[in-house]
Amino acid sequence: MVKSELIQILANQYPSLIRKDIIKIVDIIFLEIAKALCENEFSAVEIRGVGRFSTKVRNQRVSRNPKNGSIVHVPTTKYIKYKMSKNLFKRLNKNFTENKISDTY
């Protein structure tokens, strides 16, 4: 699903809202999540029932350029780590029960 599909689903579910307002709401949600993650080095954003976004630091390292084999120094970078909630995990895997797994063997 891409952002435009999410906006279309929300517009269909809530016809009383104007599409431009829905776009602003979705933009604000994602911008606030990004802003919260950028403010502190070890901050985390938890959305109950969905998951937890946290920032991690990837240390500086020495690597090689695959085209010519020269040494490249990769600087320290921050990245986002996502861990899904237990509720989302259960909903995602509800069709994979033990009976169905054992039937495949």
PDB file of N, CA and C in Angstrom:
ATOM      1  N   MET A   1       0.842  -1.167   0.000  1.00  0.00           N
ATOM      2  CA  MET A   1       0.000   0.000   0.000  1.00  0.00           C
ATOM      3  C   MET A   1       0.894   1.239   0.000  1.00  0.00           C
ATOM      4  N   VAL A   2       0.524   2.183  -0.802  1.00  0.00           N
ATOM      5  CA  VAL A   2       1.235   3.452  -0.850  1.00  0.00           C
ATOM      6  C   VAL A   2       0.350   4.520  -0.213  1.00  0.00           C
ATOM      7  N   LYS A   3       0.922   5.684  -0.009  1.00  0.00           N
ATOM      8  CA  LYS A   3       0.228   6.761   0.685  1.00  0.00           C
ATOM      9  C   LYS A   3      -1.093   7.136   0.004  1.00  0.00           C
ATOM     10  N   SER A   4      -1.102   7.197  -1.313  1.00  0.00           N
ATOM     11  CA  SER A   4      -2.331   7.568  -2.026  1.00  0.00           C
ATOM     12  C   SER A   4      -3.435   6.524  -1.832  1.00  0.00           C
ATOM     13  N   GLU A   5      -3.066   5.249  -1.726  1.00  0.00           N
ATOM     14  CA  GLU A   5      -4.064   4.208  -1.470  1.00  0.00           C
ATOM     15  C   GLU A   5      -4.642   4.350  -0.066  1.00  0.00           C
ATOM     16  N   LEU A   6      -3.794   4.673   0.904  1.00  0.00           N
ATOM     17  CA  LEU A   6      -4.262   4.895   2.266  1.00  0.00           C
ATOM     18  C   LEU A   6      -5.237   6.067   2.306  1.00  0.00           C
ATOM     19  N   ILE A   7      -4.901   7.132   1.609  1.00  0.00           N
ATOM     20  CA  ILE A   7      -5.782   8.304   1.565  1.00  0.00           C
ATOM     21  C   ILE A   7      -7.111   7.948   0.914  1.00  0.00           C
ATOM     22  N   GLN A   8      -7.073   7.154  -0.149  1.00  0.00           N
ATOM     23  CA  GLN A   8      -8.301   6.749  -0.825  1.00  0.00           C
ATOM     24  C   GLN A   8      -9.184   5.893   0.076  1.00  0.00           C
ATOM     25  N   ILE A   9      -8.597   4.972   0.829  1.00  0.00           N
ATOM     26  CA  ILE A   9      -9.351   4.129   1.757  1.00  0.00           C
ATOM     27  C   ILE A   9     -10.001   4.984   2.840  1.00  0.00           C
ATOM     28  N   LEU A  10      -9.242   5.939   3.389  1.00  0.00           N
ATOM     29  CA  LEU A  10      -9.803   6.815   4.416  1.00  0.00           C
ATOM     30  C   LEU A  10     -10.907   7.699   3.855  1.00  0.00           C
ATOM     31  N   ALA A  11     -10.737   8.166   2.621  1.00  0.00           N
ATOM     32  CA  ALA A  11     -11.776   8.991   1.995  1.00  0.00           C
ATOM     33  C   ALA A  11     -13.050   8.184   1.768  1.00  0.00           C
ATOM     34  N   ASN A  12     -12.901   6.914   1.429  1.00  0.00           N
ATOM     35  CA  ASN A  12     -14.080   6.054   1.237  1.00  0.00           C
ATOM     36  C   ASN A  12     -14.774   5.740   2.554  1.00  0.00           C
ATOM     37  N   GLN A  13     -14.002   5.540   3.619  1.00  0.00           N
ATOM     38  CA  GLN A  13     -14.577   5.205   4.917  1.00  0.00           C
ATOM     39  C   GLN A  13     -15.219   6.409   5.597  1.00  0.00           C
ATOM     40  N   TYR A  14     -14.681   7.595   5.339  1.00  0.00           N
ATOM     41  CA  TYR A  14     -15.179   8.817   5.974  1.00  0.00           C
ATOM     42  C   TYR A  14     -15.550   9.842   4.905  1.00  0.00           C
ATOM     43  N   PRO A  15     -16.691   9.654   4.257  1.00  0.00           N
ATOM     44  CA  PRO A  15     -17.073  10.563   3.172  1.00  0.00           C
ATOM     45  C   PRO A  15     -17.387  11.982   3.639  1.00  0.00           C
ATOM     46  N   SER A  16     -17.602  12.172   4.934  1.00  0.00           N
ATOM     47  CA  SER A  16     -17.892  13.514   5.439  1.00  0.00           C
ATOM     48  C   SER A  16     -16.639  14.391   5.502  1.00  0.00           C
ATOM     49  N   LEU A  17     -15.457  13.776   5.463  1.00  0.00           N
ATOM     50  CA  LEU A  17     -14.209  14.536   5.480  1.00  0.00           C
ATOM     51  C   LEU A  17     -13.783  14.903   4.060  1.00  0.00           C
ATOM     52  N   ILE A  18     -13.225  16.074   3.921  1.00  0.00           N
ATOM     53  CA  ILE A  18     -12.723  16.525   2.630  1.00  0.00           C
ATOM     54  C   ILE A  18     -11.391  15.832   2.363  1.00  0.00           C
ATOM     55  N   ARG A  19     -11.159  15.460   1.110  1.00  0.00           N
ATOM     56  CA  ARG A  19      -9.940  14.744   0.736  1.00  0.00           C
ATOM     57  C   ARG A  19      -8.677  15.539   1.098  1.00  0.00           C
ATOM     58  N   LYS A  20      -8.695  16.854   0.937  1.00  0.00           N
ATOM     59  CA  LYS A  20      -7.532  17.675   1.282  1.00  0.00           C
ATOM     60  C   LYS A  20      -7.233  17.607   2.777  1.00  0.00           C
ATOM     61  N   ASP A  21      -8.286  17.533   3.591  1.00  0.00           N
ATOM     62  CA  ASP A  21      -8.087  17.400   5.033  1.00  0.00           C
ATOM     63  C   ASP A  21      -7.479  16.048   5.385  1.00  0.00           C
ATOM     64  N   ILE A  22      -7.919  15.006   4.708  1.00  0.00           N
ATOM     65  CA  ILE A  22      -7.358  13.668   4.945  1.00  0.00           C
ATOM     66  C   ILE A  22      -5.877  13.648   4.578  1.00  0.00           C
ATOM     67  N   ILE A  23      -5.526  14.277   3.468  1.00  0.00           N
ATOM     68  CA  ILE A  23      -4.114  14.347   3.056  1.00  0.00           C
ATOM     69  C   ILE A  23      -3.301  15.071   4.118  1.00  0.00           C
ATOM     70  N   LYS A  24      -3.817  16.174   4.646  1.00  0.00           N
ATOM     71  CA  LYS A  24      -3.109  16.922   5.690  1.00  0.00           C
ATOM     72  C   LYS A  24      -2.954  16.086   6.954  1.00  0.00           C
ATOM     73  N   ILE A  25      -3.989  15.349   7.328  1.00  0.00           N
ATOM     74  CA  ILE A  25      -3.936  14.519   8.536  1.00  0.00           C
ATOM     75  C   ILE A  25      -2.863  13.438   8.400  1.00  0.00           C
ATOM     76  N   VAL A  26      -2.849  12.756   7.271  1.00  0.00           N
ATOM     77  CA  VAL A  26      -1.851  11.700   7.042  1.00  0.00           C
ATOM     78  C   VAL A  26      -0.445  12.300   7.039  1.00  0.00           C
ATOM     79  N   ASP A  27      -0.267  13.445   6.385  1.00  0.00           N
ATOM     80  CA  ASP A  27       1.044  14.107   6.361  1.00  0.00           C
ATOM     81  C   ASP A  27       1.496  14.497   7.766  1.00  0.00           C
ATOM     82  N   ILE A  28       0.583  15.044   8.557  1.00  0.00           N
ATOM     83  CA  ILE A  28       0.923  15.460   9.918  1.00  0.00           C
ATOM     84  C   ILE A  28       1.333  14.254  10.760  1.00  0.00           C
ATOM     85  N   ILE A  29       0.631  13.147  10.629  1.00  0.00           N
ATOM     86  CA  ILE A  29       0.972  11.951  11.406  1.00  0.00           C
ATOM     87  C   ILE A  29       2.389  11.483  11.090  1.00  0.00           C
ATOM     88  N   PHE A  30       2.706  11.364   9.795  1.00  0.00           N
ATOM     89  CA  PHE A  30       4.043  10.889   9.420  1.00  0.00           C
ATOM     90  C   PHE A  30       5.136  11.904   9.771  1.00  0.00           C
ATOM     91  N   LEU A  31       4.841  13.192   9.625  1.00  0.00           N
ATOM     92  CA  LEU A  31       5.828  14.206   9.984  1.00  0.00           C
ATOM     93  C   LEU A  31       6.092  14.234  11.481  1.00  0.00           C
ATOM     94  N   GLU A  32       5.061  14.050  12.289  1.00  0.00           N
ATOM     95  CA  GLU A  32       5.247  14.029  13.740  1.00  0.00           C
ATOM     96  C   GLU A  32       6.044  12.802  14.191  1.00  0.00           C
ATOM     97  N   ILE A  33       5.812  11.664  13.555  1.00  0.00           N
ATOM     98  CA  ILE A  33       6.607  10.473  13.871  1.00  0.00           C
ATOM     99  C   ILE A  33       8.070  10.726  13.522  1.00  0.00           C
ATOM    100  N   ALA A  34       8.323  11.267  12.335  1.00  0.00           N
ATOM    101  CA  ALA A  34       9.701  11.559  11.918  1.00  0.00           C
ATOM    102  C   ALA A  34      10.337  12.606  12.820  1.00  0.00           C
ATOM    103  N   LYS A  35       9.588  13.620  13.187  1.00  0.00           N
ATOM    104  CA  LYS A  35      10.105  14.680  14.061  1.00  0.00           C
ATOM    105  C   LYS A  35      10.489  14.122  15.429  1.00  0.00           C
ATOM    106  N   ALA A  36       9.636  13.255  15.979  1.00  0.00           N
ATOM    107  CA  ALA A  36       9.927  12.652  17.283  1.00  0.00           C
ATOM    108  C   ALA A  36      11.170  11.769  17.221  1.00  0.00           C
ATOM    109  N   LEU A  37      11.355  11.061  16.118  1.00  0.00           N
ATOM    110  CA  LEU A  37      12.537  10.200  15.981  1.00  0.00           C
ATOM    111  C   LEU A  37      13.801  11.017  15.771  1.00  0.00           C
ATOM    112  N   CYS A  38      13.691  12.179  15.140  1.00  0.00           N
ATOM    113  CA  CYS A  38      14.868  13.012  14.875  1.00  0.00           C
ATOM    114  C   CYS A  38      15.296  13.839  16.078  1.00  0.00           C
ATOM    115  N   GLU A  39      14.381  14.133  17.005  1.00  0.00           N
ATOM    116  CA  GLU A  39      14.699  15.006  18.129  1.00  0.00           C
ATOM    117  C   GLU A  39      15.756  14.426  19.052  1.00  0.00           C
ATOM    118  N   ASN A  40      15.582  13.204  19.467  1.00  0.00           N
ATOM    119  CA  ASN A  40      16.525  12.573  20.391  1.00  0.00           C
ATOM    120  C   ASN A  40      17.216  11.409  19.700  1.00  0.00           C
ATOM    121  N   GLU A  41      18.456  11.173  20.099  1.00  0.00           N
ATOM    122  CA  GLU A  41      19.226  10.107  19.460  1.00  0.00           C
ATOM    123  C   GLU A  41      18.628   8.733  19.747  1.00  0.00           C
ATOM    124  N   PHE A  42      18.116   8.521  20.939  1.00  0.00           N
ATOM    125  CA  PHE A  42      17.582   7.211  21.297  1.00  0.00           C
ATOM    126  C   PHE A  42      16.086   7.278  21.590  1.00  0.00           C
ATOM    127  N   SER A  43      15.380   8.097  20.841  1.00  0.00           N
ATOM    128  CA  SER A  43      13.944   8.215  21.066  1.00  0.00           C
ATOM    129  C   SER A  43      13.212   7.056  20.410  1.00  0.00           C
ATOM    130  N   ALA A  44      11.967   6.868  20.814  1.00  0.00           N
ATOM    131  CA  ALA A  44      11.140   5.814  20.236  1.00  0.00           C
ATOM    132  C   ALA A  44       9.710   6.319  20.147  1.00  0.00           C
ATOM    133  N   VAL A  45       9.008   5.845  19.145  1.00  0.00           N
ATOM    134  CA  VAL A  45       7.598   6.160  18.964  1.00  0.00           C
ATOM    135  C   VAL A  45       6.848   4.853  18.982  1.00  0.00           C
ATOM    136  N   GLU A  46       5.889   4.742  19.903  1.00  0.00           N
ATOM    137  CA  GLU A  46       5.115   3.511  20.010  1.00  0.00           C
ATOM    138  C   GLU A  46       3.661   3.812  19.699  1.00  0.00           C
ATOM    139  N   ILE A  47       3.113   3.078  18.753  1.00  0.00           N
ATOM    140  CA  ILE A  47       1.705   3.182  18.412  1.00  0.00           C
ATOM    141  C   ILE A  47       1.087   1.851  18.806  1.00  0.00           C
ATOM    142  N   ARG A  48       0.268   1.870  19.851  1.00  0.00           N
ATOM    143  CA  ARG A  48      -0.305   0.646  20.385  1.00  0.00           C
ATOM    144  C   ARG A  48      -1.105  -0.080  19.314  1.00  0.00           C
ATOM    145  N   GLY A  49      -0.891  -1.363  19.216  1.00  0.00           N
ATOM    146  CA  GLY A  49      -1.588  -2.181  18.235  1.00  0.00           C
ATOM    147  C   GLY A  49      -0.901  -2.220  16.881  1.00  0.00           C
ATOM    148  N   VAL A  50       0.092  -1.359  16.675  1.00  0.00           N
ATOM    149  CA  VAL A  50       0.814  -1.328  15.392  1.00  0.00           C
ATOM    150  C   VAL A  50       2.259  -1.726  15.592  1.00  0.00           C
ATOM    151  N   GLY A  51       2.973  -0.994  16.450  1.00  0.00           N
ATOM    152  CA  GLY A  51       4.364  -1.325  16.681  1.00  0.00           C
ATOM    153  C   GLY A  51       5.140  -0.171  17.264  1.00  0.00           C
ATOM    154  N   ARG A  52       6.458  -0.346  17.263  1.00  0.00           N
ATOM    155  CA  ARG A  52       7.367   0.621  17.863  1.00  0.00           C
ATOM    156  C   ARG A  52       8.459   0.974  16.867  1.00  0.00           C
ATOM    157  N   PHE A  53       8.636   2.270  16.649  1.00  0.00           N
ATOM    158  CA  PHE A  53       9.710   2.782  15.804  1.00  0.00           C
ATOM    159  C   PHE A  53      10.776   3.343  16.732  1.00  0.00           C
ATOM    160  N   SER A  54      12.027   2.935  16.539  1.00  0.00           N
ATOM    161  CA  SER A  54      13.114   3.468  17.349  1.00  0.00           C
ATOM    162  C   SER A  54      14.317   3.730  16.451  1.00  0.00           C
ATOM    163  N   THR A  55      15.201   4.587  16.931  1.00  0.00           N
ATOM    164  CA  THR A  55      16.399   4.896  16.161  1.00  0.00           C
ATOM    165  C   THR A  55      17.584   4.124  16.722  1.00  0.00           C
ATOM    166  N   LYS A  56      18.427   3.690  15.848  1.00  0.00           N
ATOM    167  CA  LYS A  56      19.662   2.994  16.208  1.00  0.00           C
ATOM    168  C   LYS A  56      20.814   3.659  15.467  1.00  0.00           C
ATOM    169  N   VAL A  57      22.031   3.425  15.943  1.00  0.00           N
ATOM    170  CA  VAL A  57      23.213   4.000  15.320  1.00  0.00           C
ATOM    171  C   VAL A  57      24.045   2.888  14.706  1.00  0.00           C
ATOM    172  N   ARG A  58      24.357   3.042  13.451  1.00  0.00           N
ATOM    173  CA  ARG A  58      25.247   2.109  12.754  1.00  0.00           C
ATOM    174  C   ARG A  58      26.631   2.744  12.778  1.00  0.00           C
ATOM    175  N   ASN A  59      27.594   2.082  13.407  1.00  0.00           N
ATOM    176  CA  ASN A  59      28.935   2.638  13.591  1.00  0.00           C
ATOM    177  C   ASN A  59      29.682   2.805  12.270  1.00  0.00           C
ATOM    178  N   GLN A  60      30.686   3.657  12.329  1.00  0.00           N
ATOM    179  CA  GLN A  60      31.553   3.882  11.176  1.00  0.00           C
ATOM    180  C   GLN A  60      32.287   2.594  10.847  1.00  0.00           C
ATOM    181  N   ARG A  61      32.476   2.350   9.542  1.00  0.00           N
ATOM    182  CA  ARG A  61      33.165   1.130   9.145  1.00  0.00           C
ATOM    183  C   ARG A  61      33.921   1.361   7.842  1.00  0.00           C
ATOM    184  N   VAL A  62      34.790   0.428   7.546  1.00  0.00           N
ATOM    185  CA  VAL A  62      35.539   0.459   6.301  1.00  0.00           C
ATOM    186  C   VAL A  62      34.963  -0.613   5.396  1.00  0.00           C
ATOM    187  N   SER A  63      34.680  -0.240   4.167  1.00  0.00           N
ATOM    188  CA  SER A  63      34.085  -1.172   3.217  1.00  0.00           C
ATOM    189  C   SER A  63      34.829  -1.075   1.897  1.00  0.00           C
ATOM    190  N   ARG A  64      34.377  -1.818   0.909  1.00  0.00           N
ATOM    191  CA  ARG A  64      34.997  -1.783  -0.412  1.00  0.00           C
ATOM    192  C   ARG A  64      33.965  -1.431  -1.464  1.00  0.00           C
ATOM    193  N   ASN A  65      34.412  -0.680  -2.461  1.00  0.00           N
ATOM    194  CA  ASN A  65      33.571  -0.363  -3.609  1.00  0.00           C
ATOM    195  C   ASN A  65      33.493  -1.613  -4.477  1.00  0.00           C
ATOM    196  N   PRO A  66      32.292  -2.135  -4.763  1.00  0.00           N
ATOM    197  CA  PRO A  66      32.203  -3.370  -5.540  1.00  0.00           C
ATOM    198  C   PRO A  66      32.641  -3.218  -7.004  1.00  0.00           C
ATOM    199  N   LYS A  67      32.612  -1.998  -7.535  1.00  0.00           N
ATOM    200  CA  LYS A  67      33.002  -1.805  -8.937  1.00  0.00           C
ATOM    201  C   LYS A  67      34.509  -1.912  -9.152  1.00  0.00           C
ATOM    202  N   ASN A  68      35.263  -1.240  -8.265  1.00  0.00           N
ATOM    203  CA  ASN A  68      36.713  -1.230  -8.489  1.00  0.00           C
ATOM    204  C   ASN A  68      37.525  -1.772  -7.317  1.00  0.00           C
ATOM    205  N   GLY A  69      36.892  -2.145  -6.224  1.00  0.00           N
ATOM    206  CA  GLY A  69      37.594  -2.745  -5.096  1.00  0.00           C
ATOM    207  C   GLY A  69      38.316  -1.763  -4.198  1.00  0.00           C
ATOM    208  N   SER A  70      38.161  -0.462  -4.418  1.00  0.00           N
ATOM    209  CA  SER A  70      38.848   0.522  -3.581  1.00  0.00           C
ATOM    210  C   SER A  70      38.200   0.594  -2.202  1.00  0.00           C
ATOM    211  N   ILE A  71      38.982   1.026  -1.228  1.00  0.00           N
ATOM    212  CA  ILE A  71      38.505   1.127   0.145  1.00  0.00           C
ATOM    213  C   ILE A  71      37.647   2.384   0.288  1.00  0.00           C
ATOM    214  N   VAL A  72      36.504   2.220   0.953  1.00  0.00           N
ATOM    215  CA  VAL A  72      35.580   3.325   1.178  1.00  0.00           C
ATOM    216  C   VAL A  72      35.290   3.397   2.675  1.00  0.00           C
ATOM    217  N   HIS A  73      35.364   4.604   3.238  1.00  0.00           N
ATOM    218  CA  HIS A  73      35.042   4.805   4.645  1.00  0.00           C
ATOM    219  C   HIS A  73      33.584   5.214   4.732  1.00  0.00           C
ATOM    220  N   VAL A  74      32.782   4.369   5.374  1.00  0.00           N
ATOM    221  CA  VAL A  74      31.352   4.631   5.533  1.00  0.00           C
ATOM    222  C   VAL A  74      31.159   5.310   6.885  1.00  0.00           C
ATOM    223  N   PRO A  75      30.574   6.512   6.907  1.00  0.00           N
ATOM    224  CA  PRO A  75      30.433   7.245   8.173  1.00  0.00           C
ATOM    225  C   PRO A  75      29.350   6.642   9.075  1.00  0.00           C
ATOM    226  N   THR A  76      29.317   7.092  10.315  1.00  0.00           N
ATOM    227  CA  THR A  76      28.292   6.693  11.265  1.00  0.00           C
ATOM    228  C   THR A  76      26.950   7.212  10.778  1.00  0.00           C
ATOM    229  N   THR A  77      25.939   6.354  10.813  1.00  0.00           N
ATOM    230  CA  THR A  77      24.608   6.747  10.359  1.00  0.00           C
ATOM    231  C   THR A  77      23.556   6.283  11.362  1.00  0.00           C
ATOM    232  N   LYS A  78      22.428   6.981  11.341  1.00  0.00           N
ATOM    233  CA  LYS A  78      21.279   6.581  12.145  1.00  0.00           C
ATOM    234  C   LYS A  78      20.269   5.909  11.228  1.00  0.00           C
ATOM    235  N   TYR A  79      19.562   4.932  11.752  1.00  0.00           N
ATOM    236  CA  TYR A  79      18.521   4.266  10.979  1.00  0.00           C
ATOM    237  C   TYR A  79      17.344   3.964  11.893  1.00  0.00           C
ATOM    238  N   ILE A  80      16.222   3.650  11.287  1.00  0.00           N
ATOM    239  CA  ILE A  80      15.005   3.376  12.039  1.00  0.00           C
ATOM    240  C   ILE A  80      14.793   1.870  12.116  1.00  0.00           C
ATOM    241  N   LYS A  81      14.501   1.418  13.313  1.00  0.00           N
ATOM    242  CA  LYS A  81      14.197   0.014  13.539  1.00  0.00           C
ATOM    243  C   LYS A  81      12.724  -0.082  13.893  1.00  0.00           C
ATOM    244  N   TYR A  82      12.027  -1.068  13.334  1.00  0.00           N
ATOM    245  CA  TYR A  82      10.611  -1.251  13.584  1.00  0.00           C
ATOM    246  C   TYR A  82      10.378  -2.620  14.193  1.00  0.00           C
ATOM    247  N   LYS A  83       9.582  -2.646  15.251  1.00  0.00           N
ATOM    248  CA  LYS A  83       9.192  -3.911  15.867  1.00  0.00           C
ATOM    249  C   LYS A  83       7.678  -3.913  15.968  1.00  0.00           C
ATOM    250  N   MET A  84       7.048  -4.896  15.339  1.00  0.00           N
ATOM    251  CA  MET A  84       5.589  -4.934  15.345  1.00  0.00           C
ATOM    252  C   MET A  84       5.054  -5.365  16.700  1.00  0.00           C
ATOM    253  N   SER A  85       3.831  -4.937  16.985  1.00  0.00           N
ATOM    254  CA  SER A  85       3.196  -5.291  18.248  1.00  0.00           C
ATOM    255  C   SER A  85       2.722  -6.743  18.214  1.00  0.00           C
ATOM    256  N   LYS A  86       2.466  -7.277  19.388  1.00  0.00           N
ATOM    257  CA  LYS A  86       1.978  -8.656  19.476  1.00  0.00           C
ATOM    258  C   LYS A  86       0.616  -8.799  18.806  1.00  0.00           C
ATOM    259  N   ASN A  87      -0.240  -7.774  18.952  1.00  0.00           N
ATOM    260  CA  ASN A  87      -1.565  -7.829  18.331  1.00  0.00           C
ATOM    261  C   ASN A  87      -1.452  -7.894  16.812  1.00  0.00           C
ATOM    262  N   LEU A  88      -0.584  -7.080  16.228  1.00  0.00           N
ATOM    263  CA  LEU A  88      -0.394  -7.096  14.785  1.00  0.00           C
ATOM    264  C   LEU A  88       0.209  -8.416  14.333  1.00  0.00           C
ATOM    265  N   PHE A  89       1.142  -8.941  15.117  1.00  0.00           N
ATOM    266  CA  PHE A  89       1.757 -10.231  14.791  1.00  0.00           C
ATOM    267  C   PHE A  89       0.713 -11.334  14.767  1.00  0.00           C
ATOM    268  N   LYS A  90      -0.188 -11.338  15.759  1.00  0.00           N
ATOM    269  CA  LYS A  90      -1.240 -12.358  15.806  1.00  0.00           C
ATOM    270  C   LYS A  90      -2.200 -12.215  14.636  1.00  0.00           C
ATOM    271  N   ARG A  91      -2.578 -10.974  14.294  1.00  0.00           N
ATOM    272  CA  ARG A  91      -3.484 -10.754  13.163  1.00  0.00           C
ATOM    273  C   ARG A  91      -2.822 -11.154  11.853  1.00  0.00           C
ATOM    274  N   LEU A  92      -1.538 -10.904  11.730  1.00  0.00           N
ATOM    275  CA  LEU A  92      -0.807 -11.243  10.515  1.00  0.00           C
ATOM    276  C   LEU A  92      -0.686 -12.749  10.337  1.00  0.00           C
ATOM    277  N   ASN A  93      -0.541 -13.475  11.428  1.00  0.00           N
ATOM    278  CA  ASN A  93      -0.303 -14.912  11.376  1.00  0.00           C
ATOM    279  C   ASN A  93      -1.508 -15.742  11.790  1.00  0.00           C
ATOM    280  N   LYS A  94      -2.716 -15.183  11.767  1.00  0.00           N
ATOM    281  CA  LYS A  94      -3.881 -15.918  12.247  1.00  0.00           C
ATOM    282  C   LYS A  94      -4.228 -17.121  11.377  1.00  0.00           C
ATOM    283  N   ASN A  95      -3.850 -17.136  10.117  1.00  0.00           N
ATOM    284  CA  ASN A  95      -4.150 -18.265   9.233  1.00  0.00           C
ATOM    285  C   ASN A  95      -3.127 -19.388   9.342  1.00  0.00           C
ATOM    286  N   PHE A  96      -2.034 -19.155  10.045  1.00  0.00           N
ATOM    287  CA  PHE A  96      -0.987 -20.157  10.177  1.00  0.00           C
ATOM    288  C   PHE A  96      -1.105 -20.843  11.530  1.00  0.00           C
ATOM    289  N   THR A  97      -2.123 -21.663  11.671  1.00  0.00           N
ATOM    290  CA  THR A  97      -2.300 -22.398  12.919  1.00  0.00           C
ATOM    291  C   THR A  97      -1.481 -23.682  12.851  1.00  0.00           C
ATOM    292  N   GLU A  98      -1.344 -24.338  13.978  1.00  0.00           N
ATOM    293  CA  GLU A  98      -0.562 -25.581  14.020  1.00  0.00           C
ATOM    294  C   GLU A  98      -1.194 -26.660  13.159  1.00  0.00           C
ATOM    295  N   ASN A  99      -2.526 -26.706  13.090  1.00  0.00           N
ATOM    296  CA  ASN A  99      -3.202 -27.731  12.276  1.00  0.00           C
ATOM    297  C   ASN A  99      -2.862 -27.561  10.804  1.00  0.00           C
ATOM    298  N   LYS A 100      -2.881 -26.345  10.314  1.00  0.00           N
ATOM    299  CA  LYS A 100      -2.593 -26.116   8.920  1.00  0.00           C
ATOM    300  C   LYS A 100      -1.132 -26.380   8.604  1.00  0.00           C
ATOM    301  N   ILE A 101      -0.242 -26.057   9.516  1.00  0.00           N
ATOM    302  CA  ILE A 101       1.177 -26.323   9.293  1.00  0.00           C
ATOM    303  C   ILE A 101       1.419 -27.826   9.263  1.00  0.00           C
ATOM    304  N   SER A 102       0.803 -28.564  10.183  1.00  0.00           N
ATOM    305  CA  SER A 102       1.027 -30.009  10.231  1.00  0.00           C
ATOM    306  C   SER A 102       0.390 -30.711   9.020  1.00  0.00           C
ATOM    307  N   ASP A 103      -0.648 -30.132   8.415  1.00  0.00           N
ATOM    308  CA  ASP A 103      -1.264 -30.728   7.232  1.00  0.00           C
ATOM    309  C   ASP A 103      -0.359 -30.663   6.002  1.00  0.00           C
ATOM    310  N   THR A 104       0.575 -29.731   5.995  1.00  0.00           N
ATOM    311  CA  THR A 104       1.443 -29.564   4.832  1.00  0.00           C
ATOM    312  C   THR A 104       2.568 -30.572   4.793  1.00  0.00           C
ATOM    313  N   TYR A 105       2.825 -31.254   5.902  1.00  0.00           N
ATOM    314  CA  TYR A 105       3.939 -32.218   5.944  1.00  0.00           C
ATOM    315  C   TYR A 105       3.479 -33.592   5.559  1.00  0.00           C
TER     316      TYR A 105
END
